[in-house]
PDB file of N, CA and C in Angstrom:
ATOM      1  N   UNK A   1      11.949  25.415 -10.916  1.00  0.00           N
ATOM      2  CA  UNK A   1      11.636  23.978 -10.855  1.00  0.00           C
ATOM      3  C   UNK A   1      12.770  23.485  -9.659  1.00  0.00           C
ATOM      4  N   UNK A   2      12.058  22.979  -8.717  1.00  0.00           N
ATOM      5  CA  UNK A   2      12.870  22.578  -7.478  1.00  0.00           C
ATOM      6  C   UNK A   2      13.519  21.091  -7.860  1.00  0.00           C
ATOM      7  N   UNK A   3      14.793  20.950  -7.656  1.00  0.00           N
ATOM      8  CA  UNK A   3      15.621  19.802  -7.998  1.00  0.00           C
ATOM      9  C   UNK A   3      15.489  18.978  -6.614  1.00  0.00           C
ATOM     10  N   UNK A   4      15.670  17.836  -6.733  1.00  0.00           N
ATOM     11  CA  UNK A   4      15.915  17.014  -5.497  1.00  0.00           C
ATOM     12  C   UNK A   4      17.136  17.210  -4.742  1.00  0.00           C
ATOM     13  N   UNK A   5      17.107  17.084  -3.468  1.00  0.00           N
ATOM     14  CA  UNK A   5      18.250  17.444  -2.698  1.00  0.00           C
ATOM     15  C   UNK A   5      19.285  16.465  -2.471  1.00  0.00           C
ATOM     16  N   UNK A   6      19.019  15.181  -2.806  1.00  0.00           N
ATOM     17  CA  UNK A   6      19.919  14.411  -2.757  1.00  0.00           C
ATOM     18  C   UNK A   6      19.537  13.301  -3.825  1.00  0.00           C
ATOM     19  N   UNK A   7      20.430  12.301  -4.061  1.00  0.00           N
ATOM     20  CA  UNK A   7      20.159  11.145  -5.234  1.00  0.00           C
ATOM     21  C   UNK A   7      19.693   9.887  -4.486  1.00  0.00           C
ATOM     22  N   UNK A   8      18.869   9.247  -5.098  1.00  0.00           N
ATOM     23  CA  UNK A   8      18.634   7.984  -4.439  1.00  0.00           C
ATOM     24  C   UNK A   8      20.174   6.912  -4.464  1.00  0.00           C
ATOM     25  N   UNK A   9      20.046   6.353  -3.453  1.00  0.00           N
ATOM     26  CA  UNK A   9      21.323   5.325  -3.320  1.00  0.00           C
ATOM     27  C   UNK A   9      20.921   4.234  -4.334  1.00  0.00           C
ATOM     28  N   UNK A  10      21.891   3.433  -4.589  1.00  0.00           N
ATOM     29  CA  UNK A  10      21.667   2.180  -5.433  1.00  0.00           C
ATOM     30  C   UNK A  10      20.935   1.161  -4.861  1.00  0.00           C
ATOM     31  N   UNK A  11      20.716   1.217  -3.192  1.00  0.00           N
ATOM     32  CA  UNK A  11      20.069   0.369  -2.470  1.00  0.00           C
ATOM     33  C   UNK A  11      18.423   0.800  -2.529  1.00  0.00           C
ATOM     34  N   UNK A  12      18.331   1.949  -3.043  1.00  0.00           N
ATOM     35  CA  UNK A  12      16.995   2.315  -2.998  1.00  0.00           C
ATOM     36  C   UNK A  12      15.976   1.547  -3.987  1.00  0.00           C
ATOM     37  N   UNK A  13      16.639   1.104  -5.055  1.00  0.00           N
ATOM     38  CA  UNK A  13      15.860   0.524  -6.163  1.00  0.00           C
ATOM     39  C   UNK A  13      16.614  -0.806  -6.546  1.00  0.00           C
ATOM     40  N   UNK A  14      16.087  -1.812  -6.520  1.00  0.00           N
ATOM     41  CA  UNK A  14      16.982  -2.898  -7.070  1.00  0.00           C
ATOM     42  C   UNK A  14      17.007  -3.131  -8.481  1.00  0.00           C
ATOM     43  N   UNK A  15      18.171  -3.695  -8.815  1.00  0.00           N
ATOM     44  CA  UNK A  15      18.723  -3.765 -10.212  1.00  0.00           C
ATOM     45  C   UNK A  15      17.884  -4.844 -10.957  1.00  0.00           C
ATOM     46  N   UNK A  16      17.318  -5.521 -10.251  1.00  0.00           N
ATOM     47  CA  UNK A  16      16.547  -6.928 -10.725  1.00  0.00           C
ATOM     48  C   UNK A  16      17.497  -7.707 -11.587  1.00  0.00           C
ATOM     49  N   UNK A  17      16.949  -8.293 -12.700  1.00  0.00           N
ATOM     50  CA  UNK A  17      17.757  -9.128 -13.429  1.00  0.00           C
ATOM     51  C   UNK A  17      18.577  -8.482 -14.646  1.00  0.00           C
ATOM     52  N   UNK A  18      18.716  -7.411 -14.686  1.00  0.00           N
ATOM     53  CA  UNK A  18      19.567  -6.610 -15.644  1.00  0.00           C
ATOM     54  C   UNK A  18      20.980  -7.194 -15.644  1.00  0.00           C
ATOM     55  N   UNK A  19      21.424  -7.682 -16.494  1.00  0.00           N
ATOM     56  CA  UNK A  19      22.898  -8.182 -16.681  1.00  0.00           C
ATOM     57  C   UNK A  19      24.001  -6.954 -17.208  1.00  0.00           C
ATOM     58  N   UNK A  20      23.158  -5.885 -17.754  1.00  0.00           N
ATOM     59  CA  UNK A  20      24.239  -5.025 -18.300  1.00  0.00           C
ATOM     60  C   UNK A  20      23.570  -3.294 -17.897  1.00  0.00           C
ATOM     61  N   UNK A  21      24.403  -2.665 -18.150  1.00  0.00           N
ATOM     62  CA  UNK A  21      23.884  -1.042 -17.938  1.00  0.00           C
ATOM     63  C   UNK A  21      24.404  -0.457 -19.263  1.00  0.00           C
ATOM     64  N   UNK A  22      23.373   0.602 -19.670  1.00  0.00           N
ATOM     65  CA  UNK A  22      23.676   1.429 -20.698  1.00  0.00           C
ATOM     66  C   UNK A  22      24.284   2.650 -20.166  1.00  0.00           C
ATOM     67  N   UNK A  23      25.277   3.061 -21.022  1.00  0.00           N
ATOM     68  CA  UNK A  23      25.790   4.482 -20.767  1.00  0.00           C
ATOM     69  C   UNK A  23      25.226   5.346 -21.828  1.00  0.00           C
ATOM     70  N   UNK A  24      24.838   6.673 -21.395  1.00  0.00           N
ATOM     71  CA  UNK A  24      24.327   7.832 -22.274  1.00  0.00           C
ATOM     72  C   UNK A  24      25.179   8.809 -22.418  1.00  0.00           C
ATOM     73  N   UNK A  25      25.217   9.492 -23.489  1.00  0.00           N
ATOM     74  CA  UNK A  25      26.278  10.649 -23.773  1.00  0.00           C
ATOM     75  C   UNK A  25      25.436  11.711 -23.281  1.00  0.00           C
ATOM     76  N   UNK A  26      26.228  12.951 -23.161  1.00  0.00           N
ATOM     77  CA  UNK A  26      25.870  14.123 -22.550  1.00  0.00           C
ATOM     78  C   UNK A  26      24.628  14.690 -23.354  1.00  0.00           C
ATOM     79  N   UNK A  27      24.678  14.405 -24.586  1.00  0.00           N
ATOM     80  CA  UNK A  27      23.562  15.107 -25.357  1.00  0.00           C
ATOM     81  C   UNK A  27      22.201  14.385 -24.883  1.00  0.00           C
ATOM     82  N   UNK A  28      22.261  12.932 -24.781  1.00  0.00           N
ATOM     83  CA  UNK A  28      21.417  12.133 -24.691  1.00  0.00           C
ATOM     84  C   UNK A  28      20.867  12.439 -23.202  1.00  0.00           C
ATOM     85  N   UNK A  29      21.494  12.835 -22.110  1.00  0.00           N
ATOM     86  CA  UNK A  29      21.159  13.187 -20.884  1.00  0.00           C
ATOM     87  C   UNK A  29      20.297  14.352 -21.036  1.00  0.00           C
ATOM     88  N   UNK A  30      21.016  15.354 -21.543  1.00  0.00           N
ATOM     89  CA  UNK A  30      20.378  16.694 -21.604  1.00  0.00           C
ATOM     90  C   UNK A  30      18.912  16.513 -22.411  1.00  0.00           C
ATOM     91  N   UNK A  31      18.596  15.702 -23.308  1.00  0.00           N
ATOM     92  CA  UNK A  31      17.605  15.460 -23.929  1.00  0.00           C
ATOM     93  C   UNK A  31      16.558  14.965 -23.249  1.00  0.00           C
ATOM     94  N   UNK A  32      16.836  13.900 -22.451  1.00  0.00           N
ATOM     95  CA  UNK A  32      16.017  13.085 -21.302  1.00  0.00           C
ATOM     96  C   UNK A  32      15.523  14.154 -20.197  1.00  0.00           C
ATOM     97  N   UNK A  33      16.596  14.974 -19.776  1.00  0.00           N
ATOM     98  CA  UNK A  33      16.165  15.638 -18.646  1.00  0.00           C
ATOM     99  C   UNK A  33      15.550  17.082 -18.583  1.00  0.00           C
ATOM    100  N   UNK A  34      16.116  17.698 -19.990  1.00  0.00           N
ATOM    101  CA  UNK A  34      15.545  18.793 -20.470  1.00  0.00           C
ATOM    102  C   UNK A  34      16.416  19.872 -19.534  1.00  0.00           C
ATOM    103  N   UNK A  35      17.416  19.378 -19.014  1.00  0.00           N
ATOM    104  CA  UNK A  35      18.076  20.372 -18.366  1.00  0.00           C
ATOM    105  C   UNK A  35      19.415  21.326 -19.186  1.00  0.00           C
ATOM    106  N   UNK A  36      19.665  22.281 -19.053  1.00  0.00           N
ATOM    107  CA  UNK A  36      20.955  22.975 -19.636  1.00  0.00           C
ATOM    108  C   UNK A  36      22.177  22.458 -19.182  1.00  0.00           C
ATOM    109  N   UNK A  37      23.391  22.500 -20.106  1.00  0.00           N
ATOM    110  CA  UNK A  37      24.314  22.048 -19.753  1.00  0.00           C
ATOM    111  C   UNK A  37      24.913  22.718 -18.385  1.00  0.00           C
ATOM    112  N   UNK A  38      24.699  23.868 -18.416  1.00  0.00           N
ATOM    113  CA  UNK A  38      25.353  24.646 -17.025  1.00  0.00           C
ATOM    114  C   UNK A  38      24.272  24.081 -15.793  1.00  0.00           C
ATOM    115  N   UNK A  39      23.137  23.793 -15.809  1.00  0.00           N
ATOM    116  CA  UNK A  39      22.510  23.531 -14.621  1.00  0.00           C
ATOM    117  C   UNK A  39      22.850  21.877 -14.483  1.00  0.00           C
ATOM    118  N   UNK A  40      23.225  21.229 -15.267  1.00  0.00           N
ATOM    119  CA  UNK A  40      23.195  19.818 -15.112  1.00  0.00           C
ATOM    120  C   UNK A  40      24.715  19.716 -14.253  1.00  0.00           C
ATOM    121  N   UNK A  41      25.506  20.548 -15.033  1.00  0.00           N
ATOM    122  CA  UNK A  41      26.860  20.370 -13.987  1.00  0.00           C
ATOM    123  C   UNK A  41      26.905  21.117 -12.757  1.00  0.00           C
ATOM    124  N   UNK A  42      25.958  22.092 -12.571  1.00  0.00           N
ATOM    125  CA  UNK A  42      25.784  22.613 -11.360  1.00  0.00           C
ATOM    126  C   UNK A  42      25.377  21.646 -10.370  1.00  0.00           C
ATOM    127  N   UNK A  43      24.382  21.103 -10.755  1.00  0.00           N
ATOM    128  CA  UNK A  43      23.778  20.033  -9.873  1.00  0.00           C
ATOM    129  C   UNK A  43      24.739  18.812  -9.427  1.00  0.00           C
ATOM    130  N   UNK A  44      25.519  18.651 -10.585  1.00  0.00           N
ATOM    131  CA  UNK A  44      26.662  17.504 -10.216  1.00  0.00           C
ATOM    132  C   UNK A  44      27.493  17.855  -9.162  1.00  0.00           C
ATOM    133  N   UNK A  45      27.792  19.405  -9.272  1.00  0.00           N
ATOM    134  CA  UNK A  45      28.872  19.839  -8.106  1.00  0.00           C
ATOM    135  C   UNK A  45      28.088  19.797  -6.834  1.00  0.00           C
ATOM    136  N   UNK A  46      26.850  20.078  -6.703  1.00  0.00           N
ATOM    137  CA  UNK A  46      26.069  20.024  -5.589  1.00  0.00           C
ATOM    138  C   UNK A  46      25.754  18.576  -5.114  1.00  0.00           C
ATOM    139  N   UNK A  47      26.112  17.676  -5.929  1.00  0.00           N
ATOM    140  CA  UNK A  47      25.644  16.278  -5.297  1.00  0.00           C
ATOM    141  C   UNK A  47      24.403  15.926  -5.812  1.00  0.00           C
ATOM    142  N   UNK A  48      23.716  16.676  -6.479  1.00  0.00           N
ATOM    143  CA  UNK A  48      22.057  16.390  -6.816  1.00  0.00           C
ATOM    144  C   UNK A  48      21.815  15.640  -8.073  1.00  0.00           C
ATOM    145  N   UNK A  49      22.721  15.499  -8.941  1.00  0.00           N
ATOM    146  CA  UNK A  49      22.882  14.647 -10.173  1.00  0.00           C
ATOM    147  C   UNK A  49      23.855  13.678 -10.256  1.00  0.00           C
ATOM    148  N   UNK A  50      23.530  12.481 -10.764  1.00  0.00           N
ATOM    149  CA  UNK A  50      24.526  11.470 -11.033  1.00  0.00           C
ATOM    150  C   UNK A  50      25.834  11.824 -11.481  1.00  0.00           C
ATOM    151  N   UNK A  51      26.999  11.545 -10.961  1.00  0.00           N
ATOM    152  CA  UNK A  51      28.356  11.794 -11.577  1.00  0.00           C
ATOM    153  C   UNK A  51      28.517  11.148 -12.856  1.00  0.00           C
ATOM    154  N   UNK A  52      29.296  11.707 -13.817  1.00  0.00           N
ATOM    155  CA  UNK A  52      29.528  10.996 -14.916  1.00  0.00           C
ATOM    156  C   UNK A  52      30.639   9.814 -14.735  1.00  0.00           C
ATOM    157  N   UNK A  53      30.759   8.948 -15.688  1.00  0.00           N
ATOM    158  CA  UNK A  53      31.800   7.865 -15.649  1.00  0.00           C
ATOM    159  C   UNK A  53      32.759   8.319 -16.889  1.00  0.00           C
ATOM    160  N   UNK A  54      34.030   7.862 -16.938  1.00  0.00           N
ATOM    161  CA  UNK A  54      34.736   8.053 -17.823  1.00  0.00           C
ATOM    162  C   UNK A  54      34.954   6.420 -18.523  1.00  0.00           C
ATOM    163  N   UNK A  55      34.354   6.204 -19.661  1.00  0.00           N
ATOM    164  CA  UNK A  55      34.279   4.769 -20.079  1.00  0.00           C
ATOM    165  C   UNK A  55      35.791   4.367 -20.689  1.00  0.00           C
ATOM    166  N   UNK A  56      36.219   5.613 -21.356  1.00  0.00           N
ATOM    167  CA  UNK A  56      37.374   5.152 -21.906  1.00  0.00           C
ATOM    168  C   UNK A  56      38.822   5.705 -21.214  1.00  0.00           C
ATOM    169  N   UNK A  57      38.425   6.343 -20.045  1.00  0.00           N
ATOM    170  CA  UNK A  57      39.487   6.945 -19.251  1.00  0.00           C
ATOM    171  C   UNK A  57      40.150   8.174 -19.749  1.00  0.00           C
ATOM    172  N   UNK A  58      39.576   8.825 -20.791  1.00  0.00           N
ATOM    173  CA  UNK A  58      40.037   9.809 -21.427  1.00  0.00           C
ATOM    174  C   UNK A  58      39.093  10.994 -21.089  1.00  0.00           C
ATOM    175  N   UNK A  59      38.928  11.945 -22.060  1.00  0.00           N
ATOM    176  CA  UNK A  59      37.876  12.890 -21.779  1.00  0.00           C
ATOM    177  C   UNK A  59      36.494  12.836 -21.871  1.00  0.00           C
ATOM    178  N   UNK A  60      36.150  11.480 -22.597  1.00  0.00           N
ATOM    179  CA  UNK A  60      34.768  11.409 -22.888  1.00  0.00           C
ATOM    180  C   UNK A  60      34.033  11.063 -21.467  1.00  0.00           C
ATOM    181  N   UNK A  61      32.956  11.856 -21.461  1.00  0.00           N
ATOM    182  CA  UNK A  61      32.191  11.360 -20.095  1.00  0.00           C
ATOM    183  C   UNK A  61      30.662  10.502 -20.519  1.00  0.00           C
ATOM    184  N   UNK A  62      30.240   9.950 -19.628  1.00  0.00           N
ATOM    185  CA  UNK A  62      28.745   9.180 -19.834  1.00  0.00           C
ATOM    186  C   UNK A  62      28.265   9.135 -18.661  1.00  0.00           C
ATOM    187  N   UNK A  63      26.875   8.758 -18.669  1.00  0.00           N
ATOM    188  CA  UNK A  63      26.191   8.734 -17.616  1.00  0.00           C
ATOM    189  C   UNK A  63      25.429   7.429 -17.614  1.00  0.00           C
ATOM    190  N   UNK A  64      25.178   6.777 -16.415  1.00  0.00           N
ATOM    191  CA  UNK A  64      24.479   5.246 -16.356  1.00  0.00           C
ATOM    192  C   UNK A  64      23.068   5.693 -16.385  1.00  0.00           C
ATOM    193  N   UNK A  65      22.501   5.159 -17.653  1.00  0.00           N
ATOM    194  CA  UNK A  65      21.071   5.288 -17.724  1.00  0.00           C
ATOM    195  C   UNK A  65      20.214   5.058 -16.685  1.00  0.00           C
ATOM    196  N   UNK A  66      20.513   4.280 -15.657  1.00  0.00           N
ATOM    197  CA  UNK A  66      19.564   3.779 -14.625  1.00  0.00           C
ATOM    198  C   UNK A  66      19.631   4.936 -13.587  1.00  0.00           C
ATOM    199  N   UNK A  67      21.023   5.385 -13.367  1.00  0.00           N
ATOM    200  CA  UNK A  67      21.225   6.628 -12.421  1.00  0.00           C
ATOM    201  C   UNK A  67      20.227   7.862 -12.825  1.00  0.00           C
ATOM    202  N   UNK A  68      20.282   7.964 -14.116  1.00  0.00           N
ATOM    203  CA  UNK A  68      19.610   9.170 -14.822  1.00  0.00           C
ATOM    204  C   UNK A  68      18.131   9.028 -14.632  1.00  0.00           C
ATOM    205  N   UNK A  69      17.709   8.002 -15.027  1.00  0.00           N
ATOM    206  CA  UNK A  69      16.320   7.544 -14.922  1.00  0.00           C
ATOM    207  C   UNK A  69      15.802   7.676 -13.465  1.00  0.00           C
ATOM    208  N   UNK A  70      16.644   7.229 -12.458  1.00  0.00           N
ATOM    209  CA  UNK A  70      16.321   7.461 -10.952  1.00  0.00           C
ATOM    210  C   UNK A  70      16.272   8.856 -10.580  1.00  0.00           C
ATOM    211  N   UNK A  71      16.953   9.888 -11.195  1.00  0.00           N
ATOM    212  CA  UNK A  71      17.038  11.067 -10.962  1.00  0.00           C
ATOM    213  C   UNK A  71      15.562  11.659 -11.531  1.00  0.00           C
ATOM    214  N   UNK A  72      15.250  11.297 -12.632  1.00  0.00           N
ATOM    215  CA  UNK A  72      13.860  11.914 -13.227  1.00  0.00           C
ATOM    216  C   UNK A  72      12.847  11.328 -12.448  1.00  0.00           C
ATOM    217  N   UNK A  73      12.995  10.080 -11.903  1.00  0.00           N
ATOM    218  CA  UNK A  73      11.931   9.507 -11.002  1.00  0.00           C
ATOM    219  C   UNK A  73      11.653  10.374  -9.729  1.00  0.00           C
ATOM    220  N   UNK A  74      12.903  10.764  -9.184  1.00  0.00           N
ATOM    221  CA  UNK A  74      12.848  11.489  -8.030  1.00  0.00           C
ATOM    222  C   UNK A  74      12.339  12.919  -8.225  1.00  0.00           C
ATOM    223  N   UNK A  75      12.682  13.462  -9.486  1.00  0.00           N
ATOM    224  CA  UNK A  75      12.118  14.831  -9.742  1.00  0.00           C
ATOM    225  C   UNK A  75      10.474  14.720  -9.796  1.00  0.00           C
ATOM    226  N   UNK A  76       9.788  13.664 -10.227  1.00  0.00           N
ATOM    227  CA  UNK A  76       8.404  13.357 -10.586  1.00  0.00           C
ATOM    228  C   UNK A  76       7.902  13.053  -9.013  1.00  0.00           C
ATOM    229  N   UNK A  77       8.567  12.460  -8.053  1.00  0.00           N
ATOM    230  CA  UNK A  77       8.037  12.208  -6.869  1.00  0.00           C
ATOM    231  C   UNK A  77       7.898  13.505  -6.286  1.00  0.00           C
ATOM    232  N   UNK A  78       9.294  14.068  -6.225  1.00  0.00           N
ATOM    233  CA  UNK A  78       9.239  15.632  -5.609  1.00  0.00           C
ATOM    234  C   UNK A  78       7.997  16.450  -5.948  1.00  0.00           C
ATOM    235  N   UNK A  79       7.595  16.503  -7.342  1.00  0.00           N
ATOM    236  CA  UNK A  79       6.601  17.084  -7.760  1.00  0.00           C
ATOM    237  C   UNK A  79       5.151  16.688  -7.112  1.00  0.00           C
ATOM    238  N   UNK A  80       5.097  15.435  -7.105  1.00  0.00           N
ATOM    239  CA  UNK A  80       3.802  14.881  -6.685  1.00  0.00           C
ATOM    240  C   UNK A  80       3.783  15.037  -4.968  1.00  0.00           C
ATOM    241  N   UNK A  81       4.648  14.887  -4.414  1.00  0.00           N
ATOM    242  CA  UNK A  81       4.951  15.291  -2.907  1.00  0.00           C
ATOM    243  C   UNK A  81       4.392  17.148  -2.494  1.00  0.00           C
ATOM    244  N   UNK A  82       4.947  17.756  -3.733  1.00  0.00           N
ATOM    245  CA  UNK A  82       4.648  19.055  -3.566  1.00  0.00           C
ATOM    246  C   UNK A  82       3.126  19.290  -3.691  1.00  0.00           C
ATOM    247  N   UNK A  83       2.651  18.728  -4.729  1.00  0.00           N
ATOM    248  CA  UNK A  83       1.203  18.861  -5.134  1.00  0.00           C
ATOM    249  C   UNK A  83       0.212  18.394  -4.051  1.00  0.00           C
ATOM    250  N   UNK A  84       0.645  17.305  -3.357  1.00  0.00           N
ATOM    251  CA  UNK A  84      -0.370  16.707  -1.978  1.00  0.00           C
ATOM    252  C   UNK A  84      -0.122  17.740  -0.988  1.00  0.00           C
ATOM    253  N   UNK A  85       1.108  18.418  -0.883  1.00  0.00           N
ATOM    254  CA  UNK A  85       1.196  19.499   0.489  1.00  0.00           C
ATOM    255  C   UNK A  85       0.642  20.643   0.140  1.00  0.00           C
ATOM    256  N   UNK A  86       0.053  21.145  -1.246  1.00  0.00           N
ATOM    257  CA  UNK A  86      -0.310  22.305  -1.792  1.00  0.00           C
ATOM    258  C   UNK A  86      -1.623  22.567  -1.428  1.00  0.00           C
TER     259      UNK A  86
END
């Protein structure tokens, strides 16, 4: 599977009237994306997957749901573009 080479910026998609953002735990992110833990952290290191936030300032990590959803959408767009070019 080809992964997006870059992440969409926050300016790419407006936030609309959302007044809050939901944070996802690692397991939730892995379930949504079907990535392995290793691949997810490799993509983060390459700047191709959203960075986690530290909601408590400690060891716990979480990801902004909207950023994960944008990553999934970019994977779908990449697939669709490759199907058109094939």
